[in-house]
Each structure stands twice: as structure tokens, then as C-alpha cells.
Amino acid sequence: MTHKTYFQNFFEALAASLSDDEFLAFATTVLANLDTDGGFPEEADFLRAQVAELNKQHQARGVVRGKVASSAALQQAVRLFLKWAQLTNTTRVFPAFPDRNQKERLDILPGGMDYLYQADNDNVVERATYYLTKISNDYGDQTKVTLKEAADQLKLLTDARTSNDTTKAGTKKAAAAIDVQELVVCQGLYRAYSALLARHWAEPMQAYALFPFPNTTGGPEDGNLPELPTTLPTA
């Protein structure tokens, strides 16, 4: 990790690591907490419109949440791969290389998990190939990740990538695991986060309390996200 990552929108990595329902639940809960707090009306209204549009797309199941099927298939494949990578890191890679500054660990994940989370449609297979080669071939003796496991994961990605319609929507490229509207919601979340920190800079845990972040241990305790609310913002 470099200091540059302190100034990147980490909600994009969070969105990439969660399912569609989980991310919508997360954003909706943050919005509800902002409304309850009452001290950030502009940030709440800004986020409200974005979450409402995400919910609208979320309900558009007839066209796979408003995306062509091939694009949705790639997004789903990337998310499944990221969940596998997160669990693999927690149960195999990190125990083999417990020091986060260990050269082997830095070699496997240059820049940390953001190396994978920030991958876009153009480089996701390349980055996944690098990561899988490192953990199965170069360091397979230590991680116990087999070549077959790595090959199976890569095949899922390459098959989805091959069938994907690479037409880009919007002017800013989104990570392969998230769509354009999720990226917009990430921007709204980051705006709220920045405003909360500006007010609670002396006691930042007061800002933290409004964000139901999941744990990242890879264990059962990770399932601490709220359920999808029954009432969601509407446009």
C-alpha cells in the first residue's frame, strides 16, 4: 500500500467485494443513518437520488439490472473471483506470509487487494492471471493453492470476458466488478464520508458509526451487513 491509497475512493473496492443486494443495503443504511443524524442534509439528498436510481436498476431484472447479459455475466464472474481471492488470502496466503510487508506478500499483491478490486474490463484478466500465477506456481508450496484451482478460477473469468460486450457507458471507466451507477453511488458515499470526517476530525469514530462496514476476515463473522431494507428510496 502506498500513501496514494489514502486519497482513493475506497467505496469502489467495497462495492466490488459485495453482492448487488449487499451493496444496495449498505448504501441505503448509510443514507438512513445520515437522515437520522440530521446534520448533513445536502450530502443525504445527494446520496438519496443516487441510491434511488441504483434501486431502480436493481429492480430491472428483465434486462439483468439494465445491462446486457454478457456485461452482467462478466461482473458476476469478477465478483465471485474477488470473493474467492479474499477467502484464499485469509485462509492460505496471509497465514503463509503473515507480515504485510513481507516481500512475497508484496509480490503477490502489489498495492494490496486494490490491485484486483480496481481492475477494469481491460485489465481484469491480466491482473487475475498475475495473482493466480503467483499464489499457485511461484508460491504454491507455501500457500497450498494448486495449479488446477488457479486454472479453474482463470477459466471462469476468461470465458465471461470473451463473451462480454465491451461497449463502455459513461465517461469514467468503472472497475470490472461494479457498474456505472454503483460507481456513482460510491462517489455519493465518499462525499458523505468526507463531510463526516470534516466535522468529526477530532473523534473520527463518530463518523465511522454511520457506516456498516463488513469485516474482512473471511470467516462467518463477515456476515454482519444489514438485510436489504423493505422500504427503499424511489426516484
Protein backbone atom coordinates (compact mmCIF):
# COMPACT_ATOMS: atom_id res chain seq x y z
CA MET A 1 0.00 0.00 0.00
CA THR A 2 1.22 3.49 -0.80
CA HIS A 3 0.09 6.79 0.69
CA LYS A 4 -1.78 7.47 -2.54
CA THR A 5 -4.40 4.92 -1.49
CA TYR A 6 -5.42 7.21 1.40
CA PHE A 7 -6.87 9.56 -1.22
CA GLN A 8 -8.68 7.00 -3.35
CA ASN A 9 -12.38 6.25 -3.09
CA PHE A 10 -12.28 3.01 -1.12
CA PHE A 11 -16.03 2.53 -1.54
CA GLU A 12 -15.31 1.28 -5.06
CA ALA A 13 -13.32 -1.62 -3.61
CA LEU A 14 -16.12 -2.25 -1.11
CA ALA A 15 -18.71 -2.34 -3.89
CA ALA A 16 -16.57 -4.78 -5.84
CA SER A 17 -16.36 -7.12 -2.86
CA LEU A 18 -20.10 -7.21 -2.12
CA SER A 19 -23.06 -8.66 -3.95
CA ASP A 20 -25.57 -6.31 -5.59
CA ASP A 21 -28.01 -6.74 -2.70
CA GLU A 22 -25.33 -6.23 -0.06
CA PHE A 23 -24.02 -3.04 -1.62
CA LEU A 24 -27.53 -1.62 -2.04
CA ALA A 25 -28.24 -2.49 1.60
CA PHE A 26 -25.01 -0.82 2.68
CA ALA A 27 -25.71 2.41 0.78
CA THR A 28 -29.34 2.51 1.91
CA THR A 29 -28.32 2.05 5.54
CA VAL A 30 -25.76 4.85 5.31
CA LEU A 31 -28.49 7.10 3.86
CA ALA A 32 -30.86 6.18 6.69
CA ASN A 33 -28.13 6.95 9.23
CA LEU A 34 -27.49 10.33 7.62
CA ASP A 35 -31.21 11.12 7.83
CA THR A 36 -31.28 10.08 11.48
CA ASP A 37 -28.24 12.19 12.26
CA GLY A 38 -29.82 15.19 10.56
CA GLY A 39 -26.60 17.17 10.38
CA PHE A 40 -25.76 16.51 6.74
CA PRO A 41 -28.87 17.29 4.66
CA GLU A 42 -27.01 18.19 1.46
CA GLU A 43 -24.94 15.01 1.50
CA ALA A 44 -28.04 12.93 2.33
CA ASP A 45 -30.06 14.40 -0.54
CA PHE A 46 -27.13 13.95 -2.92
CA LEU A 47 -26.85 10.29 -1.97
CA ARG A 48 -30.63 9.77 -1.93
CA ALA A 49 -31.02 10.39 -5.66
CA GLN A 50 -28.12 8.06 -6.44
CA VAL A 51 -29.42 5.24 -4.25
CA ALA A 52 -32.91 5.65 -5.71
CA GLU A 53 -31.52 5.20 -9.23
CA LEU A 54 -29.47 2.19 -8.14
CA ASN A 55 -32.57 0.65 -6.61
CA LYS A 56 -34.48 1.31 -9.84
CA GLN A 57 -31.83 -0.51 -11.84
CA HIS A 58 -31.70 -3.22 -9.20
CA GLN A 59 -35.38 -3.93 -9.81
CA ALA A 60 -34.95 -4.03 -13.60
CA ARG A 61 -34.49 -7.78 -13.67
CA GLY A 62 -35.93 -8.20 -17.15
CA VAL A 63 -32.69 -7.00 -18.76
CA VAL A 64 -30.35 -8.17 -15.96
CA ARG A 65 -30.45 -4.93 -13.99
CA GLY A 66 -30.39 -2.82 -17.15
CA LYS A 67 -27.18 -4.34 -18.54
CA VAL A 68 -26.71 -6.64 -21.50
CA ALA A 69 -26.37 -10.24 -20.39
CA SER A 70 -22.70 -10.55 -21.34
CA SER A 71 -21.75 -7.48 -19.30
CA ALA A 72 -23.69 -8.78 -16.30
CA ALA A 73 -22.02 -12.18 -16.65
CA LEU A 74 -18.58 -10.60 -16.51
CA GLN A 75 -19.50 -8.51 -13.47
CA GLN A 76 -20.79 -11.58 -11.67
CA ALA A 77 -17.72 -13.61 -12.62
CA VAL A 78 -15.39 -10.91 -11.30
CA ARG A 79 -17.31 -10.62 -8.04
CA LEU A 80 -17.19 -14.38 -7.50
CA PHE A 81 -13.47 -14.35 -8.21
CA LEU A 82 -12.87 -11.50 -5.75
CA LYS A 83 -14.75 -13.36 -3.03
CA TRP A 84 -12.65 -16.44 -3.75
CA ALA A 85 -9.46 -14.35 -3.68
CA GLN A 86 -10.45 -12.71 -0.39
CA LEU A 87 -11.10 -16.07 1.26
CA THR A 88 -7.93 -17.56 -0.26
CA ASN A 89 -5.85 -14.69 1.04
CA THR A 90 -7.32 -15.01 4.51
CA THR A 91 -7.01 -18.78 4.80
CA ARG A 92 -3.87 -19.52 2.76
CA VAL A 93 -1.85 -16.54 1.57
CA PHE A 94 -1.79 -14.44 4.72
CA PRO A 95 -1.06 -17.38 7.07
CA ALA A 96 1.85 -18.31 4.78
CA PHE A 97 3.13 -14.72 4.73
CA PRO A 98 1.77 -13.05 7.89
CA ASP A 99 3.83 -9.86 7.63
CA ARG A 100 2.05 -7.43 5.31
CA ASN A 101 5.45 -6.02 4.33
CA GLN A 102 6.87 -9.45 3.54
CA LYS A 103 8.41 -9.43 0.06
CA GLU A 104 6.46 -12.48 -1.04
CA ARG A 105 3.17 -10.90 0.01
CA LEU A 106 4.05 -7.65 -1.74
CA ASP A 107 4.99 -9.64 -4.80
CA ILE A 108 1.62 -11.40 -4.82
CA LEU A 109 -0.43 -8.26 -4.23
CA PRO A 110 1.41 -5.15 -5.41
CA GLY A 111 -0.69 -2.32 -3.99
CA GLY A 112 -2.76 -4.67 -1.84
CA MET A 113 -6.19 -6.06 -2.77
CA ASP A 114 -6.90 -2.82 -4.65
CA TYR A 115 -4.69 -4.32 -7.36
CA LEU A 116 -7.61 -6.67 -8.01
CA TYR A 117 -10.54 -4.55 -6.83
CA GLN A 118 -9.57 -1.63 -9.09
CA ALA A 119 -9.14 -3.79 -12.19
CA ASP A 120 -11.34 -2.74 -15.10
CA ASN A 121 -12.68 -4.63 -18.10
CA ASP A 122 -9.43 -4.11 -19.99
CA ASN A 123 -7.01 -5.48 -17.40
CA VAL A 124 -9.01 -7.71 -15.06
CA VAL A 125 -7.90 -10.96 -16.73
CA GLU A 126 -4.28 -9.79 -16.87
CA ARG A 127 -4.25 -8.91 -13.17
CA ALA A 128 -6.06 -12.07 -12.18
CA THR A 129 -3.59 -14.14 -14.21
CA TYR A 130 -0.66 -12.49 -12.43
CA TYR A 131 -2.21 -13.07 -8.99
CA LEU A 132 -3.18 -16.68 -9.69
CA THR A 133 0.25 -17.49 -11.12
CA LYS A 134 1.94 -16.09 -8.03
CA ILE A 135 -0.16 -17.97 -5.47
CA SER A 136 -0.24 -21.31 -7.33
CA ASN A 137 3.02 -21.54 -9.24
CA ASP A 138 5.59 -19.21 -7.67
CA TYR A 139 4.41 -19.66 -4.07
CA GLY A 140 2.21 -22.74 -4.35
CA ASP A 141 4.35 -24.75 -1.94
CA GLN A 142 3.65 -22.20 0.79
CA THR A 143 0.01 -21.32 0.02
CA LYS A 144 -1.11 -24.84 -0.99
CA VAL A 145 -3.09 -23.34 -3.87
CA THR A 146 -2.93 -25.88 -6.70
CA LEU A 147 -2.39 -25.14 -10.37
CA LYS A 148 -5.79 -26.66 -11.12
CA GLU A 149 -7.55 -24.36 -8.67
CA ALA A 150 -5.90 -21.36 -10.27
CA ALA A 151 -6.69 -22.59 -13.78
CA ASP A 152 -10.36 -23.13 -12.89
CA GLN A 153 -10.68 -19.59 -11.49
CA LEU A 154 -8.99 -18.09 -14.53
CA LYS A 155 -11.23 -20.03 -16.92
CA LEU A 156 -14.36 -18.60 -15.29
CA LEU A 157 -13.03 -15.10 -15.86
CA THR A 158 -11.75 -15.61 -19.38
CA ASP A 159 -14.99 -17.27 -20.50
CA ALA A 160 -17.03 -14.34 -19.17
CA ARG A 161 -14.58 -11.80 -20.56
CA THR A 162 -14.70 -13.34 -24.03
CA SER A 163 -18.49 -13.10 -24.20
CA ASN A 164 -18.65 -9.59 -22.75
CA ASP A 165 -19.92 -6.67 -24.77
CA THR A 166 -17.07 -4.21 -24.22
CA THR A 167 -19.13 -1.11 -25.05
CA LYS A 168 -18.39 1.43 -22.32
CA ALA A 169 -21.11 3.51 -20.66
CA GLY A 170 -20.30 6.93 -19.28
CA THR A 171 -17.05 8.82 -19.41
CA LYS A 172 -15.36 7.35 -16.36
CA LYS A 173 -14.25 3.74 -16.50
CA ALA A 174 -15.68 1.63 -13.70
CA ALA A 175 -14.00 -1.36 -12.13
CA ALA A 176 -14.97 -4.62 -13.82
CA ALA A 177 -16.88 -5.80 -10.74
CA ILE A 178 -19.11 -2.72 -10.48
CA ASP A 179 -21.35 -0.94 -12.94
CA VAL A 180 -21.60 2.77 -13.70
CA GLN A 181 -24.46 3.51 -11.28
CA GLU A 182 -22.69 1.72 -8.45
CA LEU A 183 -19.68 3.90 -9.19
CA VAL A 184 -21.90 6.98 -8.90
CA VAL A 185 -23.21 5.76 -5.53
CA CYS A 186 -19.60 5.28 -4.40
CA GLN A 187 -19.00 8.95 -5.15
CA GLY A 188 -22.01 9.92 -3.04
CA LEU A 189 -20.80 7.73 -0.19
CA TYR A 190 -17.36 9.27 -0.36
CA ARG A 191 -18.83 12.77 -0.26
CA ALA A 192 -20.76 11.86 2.89
CA TYR A 193 -17.68 10.23 4.40
CA SER A 194 -15.60 13.35 3.72
CA ALA A 195 -18.22 15.63 5.27
CA LEU A 196 -18.48 13.44 8.36
CA LEU A 197 -14.72 13.41 8.83
CA ALA A 198 -14.55 17.18 8.39
CA ARG A 199 -16.96 17.59 11.30
CA HIS A 200 -15.69 14.74 13.48
CA TRP A 201 -11.98 15.04 12.72
CA ALA A 202 -11.13 15.04 16.44
CA GLU A 203 -13.25 11.94 17.09
CA PRO A 204 -13.41 10.09 13.75
CA MET A 205 -15.10 7.05 15.27
CA GLN A 206 -18.27 9.15 15.38
CA ALA A 207 -18.15 9.20 11.60
CA TYR A 208 -17.33 5.50 11.42
CA ALA A 209 -20.51 4.69 13.35
CA LEU A 210 -22.68 5.66 10.37
CA PHE A 211 -21.10 3.12 8.00
CA PRO A 212 -22.00 -0.59 8.45
CA PHE A 213 -18.70 -1.86 7.07
CA PRO A 214 -18.39 -5.64 6.87
CA ASN A 215 -15.46 -7.41 8.45
CA THR A 216 -12.85 -8.85 6.12
CA THR A 217 -11.59 -11.93 7.93
CA GLY A 218 -13.12 -14.43 5.50
CA GLY A 219 -14.90 -16.14 8.39
CA PRO A 220 -18.57 -16.44 9.40
CA GLU A 221 -18.31 -13.18 11.30
CA ASP A 222 -18.18 -11.36 7.97
CA GLY A 223 -21.93 -11.73 7.62
CA ASN A 224 -22.70 -8.57 9.55
CA LEU A 225 -24.20 -6.46 6.79
CA PRO A 226 -27.81 -5.31 7.29
CA GLU A 227 -30.60 -7.08 5.48
CA LEU A 228 -31.91 -5.39 2.37
CA PRO A 229 -34.41 -2.79 3.67
CA THR A 230 -38.06 -3.35 2.79
CA THR A 231 -38.51 0.34 2.01
CA LEU A 232 -36.02 1.82 -0.42
CA PRO A 233 -35.66 5.33 -1.83
CA THR A 234 -37.59 5.90 -5.03
CA ALA A 235 -36.87 8.44 -7.72
